[in-house]
Amino acid sequence: MTANALVLAGYGLNCEEETLHAFEYAGLKGSIRHINDVIENPKELDNAQILAIPGGFSYGDDTGAGNAYAQKIKLALWDKLQDFIARDTLTIGICNGCQITANLGLVPAFDKNYGERLVAVTHNLTARYQCRWIDLKITNNSPWLDGVETMHIPVAHGEGRFMMSDDTLEKLKKDGHIAAVYTKDGEPANGEFPYNPNGSVADIAAITDKTGRILTLMPHPERGMFTWQRDDYMEAKDKAQREGKTLPETADGILLFQNAARYFEVAQKKTA
């Protein structure tokens, strides 16, 4: 049976359609559900193997990006969400979803202590909304990132700067929770703008829990799934035409969703 992805919506999340399309393009089933519908029927989580919280501006970021939506989940769905995480499932939070999952304490969740908020995702150092393409180096072996070394995908946020205490940062590094970092010419960006678009501590762009099954990232893979979406598409297209080559249809962003599909394909073969 094909794994089922549950993509949350509501209260200002606005990337649910693209996110669902990414899962479906990768061969997975999925549905978009308003958070209130899931609260009314929490058994929907029982029928899902993947939970995705997409980008947007939930509640207008009025009480801090992702905070109100996280509180709604914690008050109404926390026990059911804990049950979901305890199963062999995958969870992803993208941009606003990253802020929500961080506020929920789903990452880094040291020692599987889910619910303890140890990292903040706060205002960009530029004090401006940043919408641009960036380069990432993948730095852990999350199932979402299996076999991926680098990515070129966009960011679009005003509050994307990961911050945490020195002790938490040290443990993130030591235990391998940092999933991706911003880079410049293949090397760490060292905080340099625009390569690190928000001033994130240690150039952090993505974090996982210990299992790697929960991934939270500020960049948007669902906006960089196809070659024609890339910022360098016209140059690449002209170069390919001169050389008599054909550009691939897909780009880096689709790899996460293909990895999610592959994760459950492998699991199903093991139990067959």
Foldseek 3Di string as FASTA:
>chain_A
DFAEEEEEDDQWFDCRVLVQVLLVVLPHHYDYDYPVVCLVPVCVLVRHQEYEYEHTQHNVCPVHQQQVVLVVCCVRPVVSVVVSVVDNGFYEQEASGLQSLLNQQQPQCVVVVTRDRFKHFAFFPVQDWDWDWEKKAFFAPALLQHPPGMAIFIFTGGGGAIDGDPVVVVCCVVLVFQTMFFDDPPHGPCQDPPSLPGSHVSRGFWTHYNNSRYIYGRTDLSQQFFLVSDPCNVVVVVVCVVVVHDDDGTGDSSSSSNSNRVVVVVVVVVVD
